[in-house]
Amino acid sequence: MLGIRKKTSGRSSESVYRDVLKSLDSHDVSYNQSDDGKTVFTTFKGGDMPVKLSISVDDSMPILCIDSLLDFQAPSESYSHIFAGLNDINSNLHFGAFILDPESGRVVFRYHFMFAEFVPSQDMIASLVKMVVGIVDENDGNIKKLIPERGHFNDPMYN
């Protein structure tokens, strides 16, 4: 069963976080945890570049947060061009969104799953992770084209 209908009040973020760890373990996914034990970091092999994920569960709300920091950093003068390109890409997505962090110039894919009525099962967590990896892998080439040549790009094939 993908989601289990449970009363989520009283269901702690720690228990959902443990389910995230169990899901990754059951699929032999290697990962590291943050020092505070509230975030998981893992990397998947993409078609042309690795897909890095951070997975956490919000402490204050029932939200499973899956973010992928892409290896793109853009100069501030190119932000309006990149925002427009990301909006075009996002308009074709059913779930999540690519964003540009204006403070760092980094591109991030963000998908947050609210489990107010349904607690995600380990299988559902694995499906969500697979979906996010697929979306990032499918679109990272188009995002790379948005970054100007002067922009910083950590290409894992050449670094």
Protein backbone atom coordinates (compact mmCIF):
# COMPACT_ATOMS: atom_id res chain seq x y z
CA MET A 1 0.00 0.00 0.00
CA LEU A 2 1.46 3.38 -0.99
CA GLY A 3 -0.03 5.44 1.79
CA ILE A 4 -1.47 4.35 5.07
CA ARG A 5 -4.46 6.28 6.35
CA LYS A 6 -3.58 7.08 9.92
CA LYS A 7 -4.28 9.84 12.31
CA THR A 8 -1.14 11.93 11.85
CA SER A 9 -1.51 14.03 14.95
CA GLY A 10 0.82 12.43 17.42
CA ARG A 11 2.82 10.88 14.56
CA SER A 12 6.23 12.39 15.01
CA SER A 13 8.52 13.64 12.29
CA GLU A 14 11.13 11.30 13.80
CA SER A 15 9.03 8.23 12.99
CA VAL A 16 8.56 9.34 9.36
CA TYR A 17 12.29 10.09 9.20
CA ARG A 18 12.99 6.55 10.43
CA ASP A 19 10.73 5.28 7.64
CA VAL A 20 12.85 7.26 5.16
CA LEU A 21 15.98 5.52 6.47
CA LYS A 22 14.28 2.11 6.34
CA SER A 23 13.13 2.76 2.78
CA LEU A 24 16.63 3.72 1.63
CA ASP A 25 18.15 0.77 3.48
CA SER A 26 15.67 -1.66 1.92
CA HIS A 27 16.73 -0.47 -1.55
CA ASP A 28 20.47 -0.59 -0.71
CA VAL A 29 20.87 3.15 -1.14
CA SER A 30 23.96 4.52 0.57
CA TYR A 31 23.55 7.82 2.38
CA ASN A 32 24.97 10.10 5.04
CA GLN A 33 23.05 11.81 7.80
CA SER A 34 23.48 15.34 9.04
CA ASP A 35 25.09 15.80 12.45
CA ASP A 36 21.69 16.57 13.98
CA GLY A 37 20.23 13.36 12.48
CA LYS A 38 17.39 15.16 10.73
CA THR A 39 18.53 15.13 7.10
CA VAL A 40 19.72 12.38 4.78
CA PHE A 41 22.14 13.11 1.93
CA THR A 42 22.47 10.71 -0.97
CA THR A 43 23.57 10.73 -4.60
CA PHE A 44 22.14 8.80 -7.52
CA LYS A 45 23.76 8.18 -10.88
CA GLY A 46 22.03 10.26 -13.54
CA GLY A 47 22.33 9.95 -17.28
CA ASP A 48 24.86 12.74 -17.64
CA MET A 49 25.53 13.96 -14.11
CA PRO A 50 24.91 12.79 -10.54
CA VAL A 51 21.64 13.67 -8.83
CA LYS A 52 22.26 14.77 -5.25
CA LEU A 53 19.37 14.67 -2.80
CA SER A 54 18.70 15.88 0.70
CA ILE A 55 15.69 14.33 2.39
CA SER A 56 14.22 15.60 5.64
CA VAL A 57 10.95 15.71 7.53
CA ASP A 58 9.74 19.08 8.75
CA ASP A 59 9.56 19.21 12.54
CA SER A 60 6.69 21.67 12.72
CA MET A 61 4.44 20.34 9.93
CA PRO A 62 3.78 16.91 8.42
CA ILE A 63 5.93 17.52 5.32
CA LEU A 64 8.49 15.21 3.69
CA CYS A 65 11.05 17.47 1.99
CA ILE A 66 13.09 16.17 -0.95
CA ASP A 67 15.51 18.69 -2.47
CA SER A 68 18.15 18.29 -5.15
CA LEU A 69 20.95 20.84 -5.31
CA LEU A 70 22.20 21.01 -8.87
CA ASP A 71 25.81 21.86 -9.64
CA PHE A 72 24.93 25.17 -11.29
CA GLN A 73 25.72 28.62 -9.98
CA ALA A 74 24.68 31.64 -11.99
CA PRO A 75 25.85 35.25 -11.84
CA SER A 76 23.22 37.66 -10.54
CA GLU A 77 22.98 39.59 -13.82
CA SER A 78 21.58 36.44 -15.50
CA TYR A 79 18.84 35.78 -12.94
CA SER A 80 15.91 37.14 -14.98
CA HIS A 81 16.88 34.96 -17.96
CA ILE A 82 17.25 31.90 -15.71
CA PHE A 83 13.97 32.57 -13.88
CA ALA A 84 12.17 32.69 -17.24
CA GLY A 85 13.80 29.43 -18.35
CA LEU A 86 13.01 27.70 -15.07
CA ASN A 87 9.39 28.86 -15.33
CA ASP A 88 9.18 27.29 -18.79
CA ILE A 89 10.56 24.01 -17.45
CA ASN A 90 8.32 24.13 -14.35
CA SER A 91 5.21 24.70 -16.48
CA ASN A 92 5.65 21.17 -17.86
CA LEU A 93 6.17 19.48 -14.47
CA HIS A 94 3.36 17.78 -12.58
CA PHE A 95 5.24 17.70 -9.28
CA GLY A 96 7.89 19.91 -7.71
CA ALA A 97 9.70 22.91 -9.11
CA PHE A 98 13.16 24.09 -10.04
CA ILE A 99 14.07 27.29 -8.21
CA LEU A 100 16.97 29.68 -8.24
CA ASP A 101 18.21 30.73 -4.82
CA PRO A 102 18.90 34.44 -5.28
CA GLU A 103 21.35 34.51 -2.36
CA SER A 104 23.69 31.86 -3.73
CA GLY A 105 22.76 31.68 -7.40
CA ARG A 106 22.30 27.92 -7.05
CA VAL A 107 19.56 25.95 -8.81
CA VAL A 108 17.56 23.56 -6.64
CA PHE A 109 14.75 21.14 -7.46
CA ARG A 110 12.26 21.09 -4.61
CA TYR A 111 9.48 18.60 -3.96
CA HIS A 112 7.66 18.67 -0.63
CA PHE A 113 5.02 16.05 0.15
CA MET A 114 2.42 16.92 2.77
CA PHE A 115 1.12 13.88 4.61
CA ALA A 116 -1.71 15.44 6.61
CA GLU A 117 -4.11 12.51 6.18
CA PHE A 118 -1.93 9.77 4.73
CA VAL A 119 1.37 8.76 6.24
CA PRO A 120 3.76 7.76 3.42
CA SER A 121 4.74 4.12 3.47
CA GLN A 122 8.32 3.03 2.82
CA ASP A 123 7.31 2.06 -0.73
CA MET A 124 5.78 5.46 -1.32
CA ILE A 125 8.90 7.18 -0.01
CA ALA A 126 10.99 5.11 -2.45
CA SER A 127 8.61 6.05 -5.28
CA LEU A 128 8.84 9.75 -4.43
CA VAL A 129 12.64 9.59 -4.36
CA LYS A 130 12.67 7.78 -7.72
CA MET A 131 10.30 10.39 -9.16
CA VAL A 132 12.48 13.29 -8.00
CA VAL A 133 15.65 11.66 -9.37
CA GLY A 134 13.88 11.11 -12.70
CA ILE A 135 12.64 14.71 -12.95
CA VAL A 136 16.07 16.15 -12.14
CA ASP A 137 17.87 13.77 -14.50
CA GLU A 138 15.45 14.52 -17.32
CA ASN A 139 15.79 18.30 -16.98
CA ASP A 140 19.36 19.00 -15.86
CA GLY A 141 20.62 19.30 -19.46
CA ASN A 142 18.07 22.02 -20.25
CA ILE A 143 18.97 23.86 -17.06
CA LYS A 144 22.67 23.64 -17.92
CA LYS A 145 21.86 25.48 -21.18
CA LEU A 146 20.33 28.35 -19.16
CA ILE A 147 23.53 29.07 -17.26
CA PRO A 148 25.69 31.64 -19.08
CA GLU A 149 29.22 30.63 -20.01
CA ARG A 150 30.59 32.96 -17.33
CA GLY A 151 28.47 31.14 -14.76
CA HIS A 152 30.03 28.56 -12.53
CA PHE A 153 29.27 24.97 -13.41
CA ASN A 154 30.75 21.99 -11.57
CA ASP A 155 30.78 19.40 -14.30
CA PRO A 156 31.52 16.05 -12.60
CA MET A 157 32.85 14.63 -15.85
CA TYR A 158 35.63 17.24 -16.08
CA ASN A 159 36.34 18.31 -12.47
